[in-house]
Amino acid sequence: MAKIGLLVLTNPTKLRRILPVVKQHVIKTLYVQFCPGRQRLINPSPTSETGTNGPHHGPAVIGIYSQATAICQNLDVRVLLSGIKNPYISTINTRKKIEVVIFDRVFNSDDVDHFLHSCLVNATRKCEIVTLNGNEESAADDIGIPNQSHVASKLSGSFGVDGVLPNKQFKVYENVVLGGTFDRLHAGHKILLSEAVLRCTRKLTVGITDTAMLKSKLLWELIEPISMRMWSVEEFLQDVDPDLQYDIVPIYDAYGPTKEDPDLQLIVVSAETLRGGLKVNEVRQHNQLSTLDIHSVDLLEALPEQKQDEEEEDKISSSNRRMRLLGTRLRVPEARPSLPKQPYLIGLTGSIASGKSSVRGHLENLGAGVLNCDALAHTVYKKGLPCYYAIVQHFGEEVLGKDGEINRSALGAVVFSSKEQLEKLNALVWPALLDLLKLEVQQLHEAGHQVVVLEAAVLLQAGWDQHVHEVWACLIPPEEAVKRIRERNNLSESEALARVAASPSNLELAAKADVVLSTSWSTAYTQKQVGRAWAGLQLYLSKL
């Protein structure tokens, strides 16, 4: 089994039947050299296909990505575009070293030998050859790729919109631009980028949204850093067409370089962002710049079998990919040599009202020993203990109830309105609570629990992440937290906002967490995340 392979595809109608066979030979990256109708690997004779320009083949490229996504979900598929734009290019130079070449038909042995030794620049010395003779069997029907005129008319859902080019007009431009988040590059991104490359002859500018523009996106805290997203886009583009000039830039508003670059001629947008493209032209007109032609590309729909949960979107999206990260191990936990290996301690944290208690309950049902630090804090507050007297001495008897015990609501009203007072309370309570936690952990271990979960909203602020083996964090949008607090605690909006503000931000939590969970959806979906996290933990512990 090879990690990197190249499929030489001459007949796209075979693709659905070929891909299951390809999966048996390639496990990581599959390059596709699309040579429609090619009878020879070298010196192709002029045909109607070799005489067309790059955009003419756009629908076929879309079809390749669409079918590959449905059949080979774990393969990084890359359709090489240089040879599509210019079929007379004689060399293929991929960034990754090719280990196996798969032909979709039988070619002359001399042609194959010449292809391997003269055309394929970056291949291993023992590069394997697989020739498919057309008799491969697959459970999938050989439905092929829709004819190009059909796909073109489907993609151009913008006829009659001023400035939007019908896709059947296969025009090319020197300077093309597009923008997006491009988190965890997927087939939809590759289609959008490929459509831009096929229409570009000189310079392609790609704007990548910076952090300030991400906060409306689902689970935005899990979006890759902009440096990684910029690298991924450029690496992909250089791989599929190294002949263009690329300018990959961060953007801090919806317009980026389009509002000031006079050389731009075409903007490529998705059907979802078409309005943004029209708005770009309004801004350019206001800035006395020429308007851009607009090429709109439909979103890539997810087939029912491609959705892992009903909560996911009906399209191939980065949001779905981020949802699939919930309950998975995002990183290898940092070593804690000062901690005993058993029991294995999980620090479960999150902002107020983020659903920590429900996650703790699911983990308890799976066999974990659990501790609720908030409940244990009641113990250290009790009358007669040193912490009780320290709190009364500092905050006064106004925080006491009629029974002489500390009134947590009264105390909360004081500390959540003053950062200084909250820090003072923490300094009094946290050391005493940590000592109590250690005693409780030992008791749970002696009772037979190999894994103990410490639920603590203050885990990070108190520095208790240094006292657990790994951190699991619950994330929900701040507005959802405010809504839950108001309903649960009967607080005003300002009081609820103050309590959320006193918690670590979701971004801070995600940065420290080894596992991230979210209770934003159904109880069943939360339970599925927790089950996935628990299974991953058991596998990890079995290898220690």
Protein backbone atom coordinates (compact mmCIF):
# COMPACT_ATOMS: atom_id res chain seq x y z
CA MET A 1 0.00 0.00 0.00
CA ALA A 2 1.43 3.36 -1.07
CA LYS A 3 0.99 6.67 0.73
CA ILE A 4 1.15 8.81 -2.43
CA GLY A 5 -0.31 7.85 -5.79
CA LEU A 6 -1.07 9.31 -9.21
CA LEU A 7 -4.19 8.37 -11.19
CA VAL A 8 -3.96 9.01 -14.93
CA LEU A 9 -7.62 9.50 -15.85
CA THR A 10 -8.61 9.54 -19.52
CA ASN A 11 -12.26 8.61 -19.14
CA PRO A 12 -14.11 10.31 -16.26
CA THR A 13 -17.15 8.07 -16.72
CA LYS A 14 -15.03 5.25 -15.25
CA LEU A 15 -14.22 7.17 -12.09
CA ARG A 16 -16.95 5.86 -9.82
CA ARG A 17 -15.91 2.30 -10.65
CA ILE A 18 -12.18 3.04 -10.39
CA LEU A 19 -12.05 4.81 -7.03
CA PRO A 20 -12.81 1.77 -4.84
CA VAL A 21 -9.88 0.03 -6.55
CA VAL A 22 -7.65 3.09 -6.04
CA LYS A 23 -8.36 2.92 -2.29
CA GLN A 24 -6.72 -0.49 -2.26
CA HIS A 25 -3.44 1.04 -3.48
CA VAL A 26 -3.25 4.57 -1.97
CA ILE A 27 -3.89 5.60 1.64
CA LYS A 28 -2.90 9.27 1.93
CA THR A 29 -2.66 11.51 -1.16
CA LEU A 30 -4.06 10.84 -4.63
CA TYR A 31 -3.02 13.09 -7.50
CA VAL A 32 -5.23 13.00 -10.59
CA GLN A 33 -3.76 13.78 -14.01
CA PHE A 34 -6.87 14.36 -16.13
CA CYS A 35 -6.23 13.58 -19.80
CA PRO A 36 -9.69 13.37 -21.41
CA GLY A 37 -9.82 11.13 -24.44
CA ARG A 38 -6.06 10.61 -24.44
CA GLN A 39 -4.99 7.62 -26.55
CA ARG A 40 -1.24 8.11 -25.99
CA LEU A 41 0.72 9.33 -22.98
CA ILE A 42 3.18 11.29 -25.11
CA ASN A 43 2.73 13.61 -28.07
CA PRO A 44 -1.08 13.78 -27.82
CA SER A 45 -2.80 14.28 -31.14
CA PRO A 46 -5.04 17.36 -31.43
CA THR A 47 -8.63 16.65 -30.36
CA SER A 48 -11.63 18.68 -29.36
CA GLU A 49 -10.43 18.26 -25.76
CA THR A 50 -6.84 19.45 -26.29
CA GLY A 51 -8.15 22.51 -28.09
CA THR A 52 -10.26 23.77 -25.18
CA ASN A 53 -9.08 26.06 -22.40
CA GLY A 54 -8.92 25.36 -18.67
CA PRO A 55 -12.37 26.61 -17.61
CA HIS A 56 -13.98 24.29 -20.15
CA HIS A 57 -12.86 21.37 -17.96
CA GLY A 58 -14.06 22.94 -14.70
CA PRO A 59 -17.24 20.82 -14.47
CA ALA A 60 -15.20 17.63 -14.91
CA VAL A 61 -12.80 18.73 -12.15
CA ILE A 62 -15.78 19.41 -9.90
CA GLY A 63 -17.13 15.96 -10.73
CA ILE A 64 -13.81 14.33 -9.81
CA TYR A 65 -13.73 16.01 -6.41
CA SER A 66 -17.41 15.29 -5.80
CA GLN A 67 -17.11 11.57 -6.49
CA ALA A 68 -13.77 11.24 -4.72
CA THR A 69 -15.23 12.87 -1.61
CA ALA A 70 -18.12 10.41 -1.61
CA ILE A 71 -15.98 7.29 -2.15
CA CYS A 72 -12.51 8.14 -0.76
CA GLN A 73 -13.28 10.39 2.21
CA ASN A 74 -9.91 9.83 3.87
CA LEU A 75 -7.80 10.54 0.78
CA ASP A 76 -6.31 13.96 0.06
CA VAL A 77 -7.32 14.15 -3.61
CA ARG A 78 -5.62 16.78 -5.80
CA VAL A 79 -6.52 17.29 -9.46
CA LEU A 80 -3.44 18.60 -11.28
CA LEU A 81 -4.41 21.65 -13.32
CA SER A 82 -1.31 22.60 -15.32
CA GLY A 83 -1.88 19.77 -17.76
CA ILE A 84 -5.56 20.65 -18.08
CA LYS A 85 -4.78 24.27 -18.91
CA ASN A 86 -2.03 23.23 -21.32
CA PRO A 87 -2.21 19.56 -22.44
CA TYR A 88 1.14 19.90 -24.21
CA ILE A 89 3.07 20.30 -20.93
CA SER A 90 5.40 17.30 -20.91
CA THR A 91 6.31 16.99 -17.22
CA ILE A 92 4.46 16.39 -13.95
CA ASN A 93 6.23 17.73 -10.86
CA THR A 94 4.26 17.10 -7.68
CA ARG A 95 5.40 18.32 -4.28
CA LYS A 96 5.03 14.83 -2.80
CA LYS A 97 7.00 11.87 -4.13
CA ILE A 98 4.76 9.47 -6.07
CA GLU A 99 5.00 5.80 -5.11
CA VAL A 100 2.41 4.26 -7.45
CA VAL A 101 0.92 5.29 -10.82
CA ILE A 102 -2.53 4.00 -11.72
CA PHE A 103 -3.68 4.09 -15.37
CA ASP A 104 -7.38 3.84 -16.15
CA ARG A 105 -6.64 2.09 -19.44
CA VAL A 106 -3.91 0.06 -21.12
CA PHE A 107 -1.18 2.13 -22.77
CA ASN A 108 1.72 1.16 -25.00
CA SER A 109 4.57 -0.15 -22.81
CA ASP A 110 7.06 2.26 -24.41
CA ASP A 111 4.74 5.16 -23.59
CA VAL A 112 4.46 4.01 -19.98
CA ASP A 113 8.22 3.71 -19.66
CA HIS A 114 8.75 7.16 -21.17
CA PHE A 115 6.07 8.60 -18.87
CA LEU A 116 7.76 7.20 -15.75
CA HIS A 117 11.30 8.20 -16.61
CA SER A 118 10.83 11.45 -18.54
CA CYS A 119 7.45 12.95 -17.58
CA LEU A 120 7.18 12.08 -13.89
CA VAL A 121 9.72 14.31 -12.17
CA ASN A 122 9.12 13.40 -8.51
CA ALA A 123 8.65 9.66 -8.12
CA THR A 124 10.31 6.97 -6.03
CA ARG A 125 12.91 4.76 -7.69
CA LYS A 126 10.67 1.73 -7.21
CA CYS A 127 7.48 3.44 -8.32
CA GLU A 128 4.83 0.79 -8.96
CA ILE A 129 2.51 0.62 -11.98
CA VAL A 130 -1.13 -0.43 -11.81
CA THR A 131 -3.12 -0.70 -15.04
CA LEU A 132 -6.90 -0.99 -14.85
CA ASN A 133 -8.35 -2.86 -17.79
CA GLY A 134 -11.91 -1.64 -17.42
CA ASN A 135 -13.25 -4.82 -15.80
CA GLU A 136 -12.97 -3.62 -12.19
CA GLU A 137 -16.05 -4.42 -10.19
CA SER A 138 -17.67 -2.05 -7.77
CA ALA A 139 -20.88 -2.04 -5.86
CA ALA A 140 -21.38 1.52 -7.08
CA ASP A 141 -23.25 2.12 -10.29
CA ASP A 142 -21.13 3.57 -13.07
CA ILE A 143 -23.05 6.82 -13.29
CA GLY A 144 -20.01 8.81 -14.38
CA ILE A 145 -19.67 12.56 -14.19
CA PRO A 146 -22.59 14.68 -15.43
CA ASN A 147 -22.05 16.13 -18.86
CA GLN A 148 -20.35 19.50 -18.77
CA SER A 149 -23.25 21.55 -20.10
CA HIS A 150 -25.50 20.16 -17.36
CA VAL A 151 -23.02 20.92 -14.58
CA ALA A 152 -22.33 24.36 -16.02
CA SER A 153 -25.99 25.28 -16.03
CA LYS A 154 -26.37 23.92 -12.49
CA LEU A 155 -23.45 25.96 -11.21
CA SER A 156 -24.57 29.21 -12.78
CA GLY A 157 -27.54 29.87 -10.55
CA SER A 158 -26.89 33.58 -11.12
CA PHE A 159 -28.15 34.24 -14.64
CA GLY A 160 -29.60 37.70 -14.85
CA VAL A 161 -27.62 39.05 -11.88
CA ASP A 162 -25.65 42.02 -13.10
CA GLY A 163 -21.93 41.27 -13.29
CA VAL A 164 -22.20 37.51 -12.80
CA LEU A 165 -20.79 35.48 -15.66
CA PRO A 166 -22.70 32.40 -16.82
CA ASN A 167 -20.37 29.45 -16.33
CA LYS A 168 -20.67 28.43 -19.97
CA GLN A 169 -18.61 31.51 -20.87
CA PHE A 170 -15.15 30.01 -20.39
CA LYS A 171 -13.23 33.26 -20.20
CA VAL A 172 -9.77 33.56 -18.63
CA TYR A 173 -8.20 36.51 -16.80
CA GLU A 174 -4.71 37.66 -15.87
CA ASN A 175 -5.63 38.61 -12.29
CA VAL A 176 -8.16 36.66 -10.23
CA VAL A 177 -9.15 36.96 -6.56
CA LEU A 178 -11.13 34.98 -4.01
CA GLY A 179 -11.40 34.84 -0.24
CA GLY A 180 -12.49 32.58 2.59
CA THR A 181 -11.62 30.96 5.90
CA PHE A 182 -10.18 27.75 4.41
CA ASP A 183 -10.16 25.87 7.70
CA ARG A 184 -9.03 22.25 7.30
CA LEU A 185 -8.92 22.24 3.52
CA HIS A 186 -11.66 20.02 2.05
CA ALA A 187 -13.13 19.21 -1.36
CA GLY A 188 -15.37 22.30 -1.38
CA HIS A 189 -12.32 24.51 -0.88
CA LYS A 190 -10.38 22.63 -3.54
CA ILE A 191 -13.20 23.13 -6.05
CA LEU A 192 -13.36 26.87 -5.33
CA LEU A 193 -9.59 27.25 -5.61
CA SER A 194 -9.46 25.11 -8.76
CA GLU A 195 -12.17 27.16 -10.45
CA ALA A 196 -10.06 30.26 -9.78
CA VAL A 197 -6.85 28.61 -11.04
CA LEU A 198 -8.50 27.41 -14.25
CA ARG A 199 -9.59 30.98 -15.04
CA CYS A 200 -6.28 32.63 -14.14
CA THR A 201 -3.29 33.13 -16.43
CA ARG A 202 -0.94 35.24 -14.28
CA LYS A 203 -1.68 36.08 -10.63
CA LEU A 204 -4.15 34.61 -8.16
CA THR A 205 -4.80 36.50 -4.93
CA VAL A 206 -6.39 34.61 -2.03
CA GLY A 207 -7.60 36.44 1.09
CA ILE A 208 -7.70 34.37 4.30
CA THR A 209 -9.97 35.66 7.08
CA ASP A 210 -8.17 36.67 10.27
CA THR A 211 -9.39 35.86 13.78
CA ALA A 212 -11.56 38.97 14.16
CA MET A 213 -13.76 37.77 11.27
CA LEU A 214 -14.31 34.24 12.63
CA LYS A 215 -16.41 34.75 15.74
CA SER A 216 -19.77 34.18 14.06
CA LYS A 217 -18.70 30.74 12.86
CA LEU A 218 -19.64 27.51 14.57
CA LEU A 219 -16.95 26.35 17.02
CA TRP A 220 -14.69 29.11 15.75
CA GLU A 221 -12.31 28.48 18.64
CA LEU A 222 -11.26 25.25 16.92
CA ILE A 223 -10.40 26.93 13.62
CA GLU A 224 -6.77 26.47 12.67
CA PRO A 225 -4.38 29.42 13.18
CA ILE A 226 -4.26 31.75 10.18
CA SER A 227 -0.61 30.88 9.54
CA MET A 228 -1.55 27.23 9.09
CA ARG A 229 -4.53 28.05 6.86
CA MET A 230 -2.44 30.33 4.66
CA TRP A 231 0.23 27.65 4.35
CA SER A 232 -2.32 24.95 3.45
CA VAL A 233 -3.86 27.06 0.69
CA GLU A 234 -0.53 28.02 -0.85
CA GLU A 235 0.84 24.48 -0.60
CA PHE A 236 -2.23 23.12 -2.42
CA LEU A 237 -2.12 25.78 -5.12
CA GLN A 238 1.59 25.37 -5.78
CA ASP A 239 1.00 21.64 -6.06
CA VAL A 240 -1.86 21.71 -8.59
CA ASP A 241 -0.48 24.56 -10.74
CA PRO A 242 3.05 25.82 -9.98
CA ASP A 243 3.03 28.11 -13.03
CA LEU A 244 0.90 30.89 -11.53
CA GLN A 245 1.95 33.69 -9.20
CA TYR A 246 0.17 33.40 -5.83
CA ASP A 247 -0.44 36.12 -3.27
CA ILE A 248 -1.92 34.62 -0.08
CA VAL A 249 -2.85 37.44 2.30
CA PRO A 250 -4.72 37.81 5.62
CA ILE A 251 -7.88 39.91 5.43
CA TYR A 252 -9.45 41.85 8.28
CA ASP A 253 -12.72 42.87 6.62
CA ALA A 254 -15.08 41.52 3.97
CA TYR A 255 -13.24 43.23 1.10
CA GLY A 256 -9.52 42.70 1.63
CA PRO A 257 -7.43 43.72 -1.40
CA THR A 258 -10.52 44.01 -3.66
CA LYS A 259 -11.29 47.48 -2.34
CA GLU A 260 -8.01 48.94 -3.56
CA ASP A 261 -6.28 46.72 -6.15
CA PRO A 262 -6.92 48.19 -9.65
CA ASP A 263 -5.49 45.16 -11.48
CA LEU A 264 -8.07 42.60 -10.31
CA GLN A 265 -10.48 41.42 -13.00
CA LEU A 266 -12.44 38.42 -11.71
CA ILE A 267 -13.67 37.36 -8.27
CA VAL A 268 -14.61 33.74 -7.62
CA VAL A 269 -17.30 33.22 -4.96
CA SER A 270 -19.45 30.41 -3.69
CA ALA A 271 -23.21 30.58 -4.16
CA GLU A 272 -23.32 31.25 -0.41
CA THR A 273 -21.12 34.37 -0.71
CA LEU A 274 -22.48 35.75 -3.99
CA ARG A 275 -23.96 38.79 -2.24
CA GLY A 276 -20.52 39.55 -0.89
CA GLY A 277 -19.15 39.57 -4.44
CA LEU A 278 -21.83 42.03 -5.52
CA LYS A 279 -21.03 44.20 -2.48
CA VAL A 280 -17.34 44.19 -3.48
CA ASN A 281 -18.30 45.79 -6.79
CA GLU A 282 -20.31 48.48 -5.00
CA VAL A 283 -17.23 49.34 -2.94
CA ARG A 284 -15.00 49.34 -6.02
CA GLN A 285 -17.37 51.68 -7.84
CA HIS A 286 -17.33 53.97 -4.82
CA ASN A 287 -13.52 53.89 -4.91
CA GLN A 288 -13.56 54.63 -8.66
CA LEU A 289 -12.20 51.21 -9.60
CA SER A 290 -13.43 48.96 -12.39
CA THR A 291 -15.98 46.36 -11.30
CA LEU A 292 -15.03 42.69 -11.26
CA ASP A 293 -16.59 39.91 -13.24
CA ILE A 294 -18.07 37.37 -10.82
CA HIS A 295 -17.88 33.60 -11.15
CA SER A 296 -20.19 31.79 -8.73
CA VAL A 297 -19.63 28.15 -7.73
CA ASP A 298 -22.29 26.00 -6.08
CA LEU A 299 -21.65 24.45 -2.68
CA LEU A 300 -20.74 20.78 -2.64
CA GLU A 301 -23.66 18.94 -1.07
CA ALA A 302 -23.03 16.14 1.41
CA LEU A 303 -24.59 12.81 0.56
CA PRO A 304 -26.63 11.22 3.38
CA GLU A 305 -23.90 8.63 3.97
CA GLN A 306 -21.30 11.41 4.30
CA LYS A 307 -23.04 12.94 7.31
CA GLN A 308 -21.91 11.37 10.57
CA ASP A 309 -24.72 12.92 12.63
CA GLU A 310 -28.07 14.54 11.90
CA GLU A 311 -26.81 17.70 13.62
CA GLU A 312 -24.30 18.26 10.78
CA GLU A 313 -24.89 20.57 7.83
CA ASP A 314 -26.11 19.21 4.49
CA LYS A 315 -22.97 20.41 2.70
CA ILE A 316 -19.28 19.56 2.75
CA SER A 317 -18.07 22.11 5.28
CA SER A 318 -15.37 22.98 7.78
CA SER A 319 -18.10 23.34 10.41
CA ASN A 320 -18.86 19.64 10.10
CA ARG A 321 -15.17 18.84 10.43
CA ARG A 322 -14.92 20.91 13.61
CA MET A 323 -17.99 19.16 15.02
CA ARG A 324 -16.26 15.84 14.39
CA LEU A 325 -13.36 17.01 16.56
CA LEU A 326 -15.64 17.10 19.61
CA GLY A 327 -14.75 14.24 21.91
CA THR A 328 -11.52 13.44 20.07
CA ARG A 329 -8.01 13.87 21.41
CA LEU A 330 -6.73 17.15 19.97
CA ARG A 331 -3.20 16.68 21.26
CA VAL A 332 -1.04 14.37 23.32
CA PRO A 333 -1.39 15.40 26.98
CA GLU A 334 1.58 17.14 28.53
CA ALA A 335 3.67 14.85 30.72
CA ARG A 336 3.12 15.21 34.48
CA PRO A 337 6.02 13.26 36.03
CA SER A 338 5.24 14.66 39.49
CA LEU A 339 1.77 13.03 39.49
CA PRO A 340 1.19 9.38 40.42
CA LYS A 341 0.23 7.33 37.35
CA GLN A 342 -2.90 6.14 39.15
CA PRO A 343 -5.56 7.22 39.46
CA TYR A 344 -5.53 8.97 36.09
CA LEU A 345 -6.95 12.46 36.66
CA ILE A 346 -9.13 14.34 34.15
CA GLY A 347 -9.72 18.02 34.81
CA LEU A 348 -13.17 18.85 33.41
CA THR A 349 -13.69 22.59 32.99
CA GLY A 350 -15.64 25.17 31.02
CA SER A 351 -17.37 28.48 31.44
CA ILE A 352 -20.34 28.84 33.74
CA ALA A 353 -23.45 27.00 32.43
CA SER A 354 -21.46 25.19 29.74
CA GLY A 355 -22.90 21.77 30.63
CA LYS A 356 -20.01 20.44 32.72
CA SER A 357 -22.34 18.66 35.13
CA SER A 358 -24.13 16.73 32.37
CA VAL A 359 -20.76 15.63 30.94
CA ARG A 360 -19.64 14.60 34.43
CA GLY A 361 -22.81 12.53 34.76
CA HIS A 362 -22.16 10.71 31.49
CA LEU A 363 -18.58 9.96 32.58
CA GLU A 364 -19.79 8.62 35.91
CA ASN A 365 -22.13 6.25 34.06
CA LEU A 366 -19.13 5.02 32.05
CA GLY A 367 -17.26 4.12 35.21
CA ALA A 368 -15.24 7.18 36.15
CA GLY A 369 -14.96 8.39 39.71
CA VAL A 370 -16.23 11.98 39.76
CA LEU A 371 -15.78 15.02 41.98
CA ASN A 372 -17.79 18.24 41.80
CA CYS A 373 -15.45 20.97 43.01
CA ASP A 374 -18.28 23.47 43.31
CA ALA A 375 -20.12 21.15 45.69
CA LEU A 376 -16.93 20.44 47.64
CA ALA A 377 -16.40 24.18 48.00
CA HIS A 378 -19.55 24.22 50.14
CA THR A 379 -17.66 22.06 52.59
CA VAL A 380 -14.72 24.43 53.01
CA TYR A 381 -17.19 27.31 53.52
CA LYS A 382 -18.87 25.57 56.46
CA LYS A 383 -19.06 27.31 59.80
CA GLY A 384 -16.26 26.38 62.14
CA LEU A 385 -13.63 25.74 59.44
CA PRO A 386 -10.64 28.10 58.93
CA CYS A 387 -11.82 29.19 55.47
CA TYR A 388 -15.22 30.24 56.90
CA TYR A 389 -13.66 32.63 59.40
CA ALA A 390 -11.27 34.08 56.80
CA ILE A 391 -14.19 34.85 54.46
CA VAL A 392 -16.29 36.48 57.18
CA GLN A 393 -13.31 38.51 58.37
CA HIS A 394 -12.68 39.89 54.88
CA PHE A 395 -16.20 40.28 53.45
CA GLY A 396 -18.12 40.96 56.66
CA GLU A 397 -21.23 39.43 58.16
CA GLU A 398 -23.29 40.76 55.23
CA VAL A 399 -22.45 37.53 53.38
CA LEU A 400 -23.98 35.35 56.12
CA GLY A 401 -27.45 33.84 56.05
CA LYS A 402 -29.93 33.64 58.90
CA ASP A 403 -28.48 30.29 59.93
CA GLY A 404 -25.02 31.80 60.30
CA GLU A 405 -23.64 29.92 57.30
CA ILE A 406 -22.18 31.75 54.31
CA ASN A 407 -24.89 32.78 51.84
CA ARG A 408 -23.35 31.94 48.47
CA SER A 409 -25.79 34.14 46.56
CA ALA A 410 -24.91 37.16 48.71
CA LEU A 411 -21.22 36.38 48.41
CA GLY A 412 -21.56 35.94 44.63
CA ALA A 413 -23.22 39.33 44.25
CA VAL A 414 -20.15 40.91 45.85
CA VAL A 415 -17.37 39.04 44.09
CA PHE A 416 -18.84 38.93 40.57
CA SER A 417 -19.13 42.72 40.53
CA SER A 418 -15.50 43.27 41.56
CA LYS A 419 -12.47 41.56 40.07
CA GLU A 420 -10.40 42.49 43.13
CA GLN A 421 -12.89 40.92 45.52
CA LEU A 422 -13.17 37.77 43.38
CA GLU A 423 -9.40 37.36 43.41
CA LYS A 424 -9.37 37.74 47.20
CA LEU A 425 -12.05 35.07 47.63
CA ASN A 426 -10.15 32.73 45.34
CA ALA A 427 -6.95 33.23 47.30
CA LEU A 428 -8.80 32.19 50.47
CA VAL A 429 -10.72 29.22 49.07
CA TRP A 430 -8.55 27.56 46.39
CA PRO A 431 -5.71 26.24 48.60
CA ALA A 432 -8.14 24.70 51.09
CA LEU A 433 -10.24 23.21 48.28
CA LEU A 434 -7.21 21.68 46.56
CA ASP A 435 -6.20 19.92 49.78
CA LEU A 436 -9.72 18.53 50.12
CA LEU A 437 -9.73 17.41 46.48
CA LYS A 438 -6.56 15.39 46.95
CA LEU A 439 -8.11 13.54 49.89
CA GLU A 440 -11.28 12.81 47.90
CA VAL A 441 -9.26 11.57 44.91
CA GLN A 442 -7.38 9.13 47.12
CA GLN A 443 -10.63 7.79 48.53
CA LEU A 444 -12.08 7.21 45.07
CA HIS A 445 -8.91 5.40 44.00
CA GLU A 446 -9.08 3.17 47.06
CA ALA A 447 -12.69 2.41 46.11
CA GLY A 448 -11.46 1.01 42.80
CA HIS A 449 -11.67 3.91 40.33
CA GLN A 450 -8.75 4.02 37.90
CA VAL A 451 -9.94 7.29 36.32
CA VAL A 452 -11.15 10.25 38.38
CA VAL A 453 -12.78 13.33 36.88
CA LEU A 454 -12.49 16.68 38.69
CA GLU A 455 -15.20 19.05 37.51
CA ALA A 456 -13.93 22.57 38.20
CA ALA A 457 -14.93 25.80 36.49
CA VAL A 458 -11.80 27.40 37.97
CA LEU A 459 -9.41 24.65 36.90
CA LEU A 460 -7.26 26.93 34.74
CA GLN A 461 -7.43 30.08 36.88
CA ALA A 462 -6.50 28.12 40.00
CA GLY A 463 -3.59 26.42 38.25
CA TRP A 464 -5.10 23.01 38.94
CA ASP A 465 -4.40 21.91 35.37
CA GLN A 466 -0.92 21.17 36.76
CA HIS A 467 -2.51 18.68 39.18
CA VAL A 468 -4.33 16.58 36.55
CA HIS A 469 -3.05 14.39 33.73
CA GLU A 470 -5.15 16.06 31.06
CA VAL A 471 -7.80 18.76 30.57
CA TRP A 472 -11.24 18.35 29.01
CA ALA A 473 -13.19 21.54 28.27
CA CYS A 474 -16.87 22.23 27.57
CA LEU A 475 -17.54 25.04 25.09
CA ILE A 476 -20.79 26.85 24.36
CA PRO A 477 -21.31 30.28 22.77
CA PRO A 478 -21.28 33.09 25.37
CA GLU A 479 -24.81 34.17 24.41
CA GLU A 480 -26.06 30.65 25.12
CA ALA A 481 -24.30 30.70 28.51
CA VAL A 482 -26.01 34.00 29.38
CA LYS A 483 -29.39 32.56 28.39
CA ARG A 484 -28.87 29.46 30.52
CA ILE A 485 -27.69 31.44 33.56
CA ARG A 486 -30.67 33.79 33.42
CA GLU A 487 -33.09 30.87 33.21
CA ARG A 488 -31.35 28.79 35.86
CA ASN A 489 -30.38 31.46 38.42
CA ASN A 490 -33.07 34.07 37.72
CA LEU A 491 -30.44 36.77 37.15
CA SER A 492 -30.59 39.97 35.14
CA GLU A 493 -28.74 40.12 31.84
CA SER A 494 -26.00 42.32 33.29
CA GLU A 495 -25.50 39.92 36.21
CA ALA A 496 -25.31 36.95 33.84
CA LEU A 497 -22.85 38.76 31.56
CA ALA A 498 -20.64 39.54 34.56
CA ARG A 499 -20.49 35.87 35.52
CA VAL A 500 -19.63 34.78 31.99
CA ALA A 501 -16.94 37.48 31.82
CA ALA A 502 -15.40 36.10 35.02
CA SER A 503 -14.91 32.70 33.33
CA PRO A 504 -12.05 31.86 30.96
CA SER A 505 -12.93 32.56 27.33
CA ASN A 506 -13.68 29.68 24.99
CA LEU A 507 -10.47 30.52 23.13
CA GLU A 508 -8.42 30.12 26.34
CA LEU A 509 -10.19 26.85 27.13
CA ALA A 510 -9.66 25.41 23.65
CA ALA A 511 -5.96 26.36 23.77
CA LYS A 512 -5.44 24.37 26.98
CA ALA A 513 -7.77 21.44 26.36
CA ASP A 514 -6.68 17.98 25.28
CA VAL A 515 -10.34 17.15 24.55
CA VAL A 516 -13.15 19.59 23.70
CA LEU A 517 -16.86 18.87 24.15
CA SER A 518 -19.99 20.93 23.54
CA THR A 519 -23.50 20.67 24.95
CA SER A 520 -24.94 23.05 22.34
CA TRP A 521 -26.94 20.26 20.71
CA SER A 522 -29.08 17.37 21.95
CA THR A 523 -28.39 15.26 25.02
CA ALA A 524 -27.82 12.29 22.73
CA TYR A 525 -25.18 14.21 20.78
CA THR A 526 -23.42 15.20 24.02
CA GLN A 527 -23.51 11.57 25.14
CA LYS A 528 -21.99 10.48 21.83
CA GLN A 529 -19.11 12.95 22.26
CA VAL A 530 -18.46 11.75 25.80
CA GLY A 531 -18.53 8.12 24.66
CA ARG A 532 -16.01 8.91 21.94
CA ALA A 533 -13.76 10.73 24.42
CA TRP A 534 -13.96 7.86 26.91
CA ALA A 535 -13.11 5.28 24.24
CA GLY A 536 -10.14 7.41 23.13
CA LEU A 537 -8.98 7.69 26.74
CA GLN A 538 -9.14 3.93 27.28
CA LEU A 539 -7.11 3.35 24.11
CA TYR A 540 -4.55 5.96 25.20
CA LEU A 541 -4.23 4.46 28.69
CA SER A 542 -3.79 0.96 27.26
CA LYS A 543 -0.64 2.13 25.49
CA LEU A 544 0.98 3.79 28.52
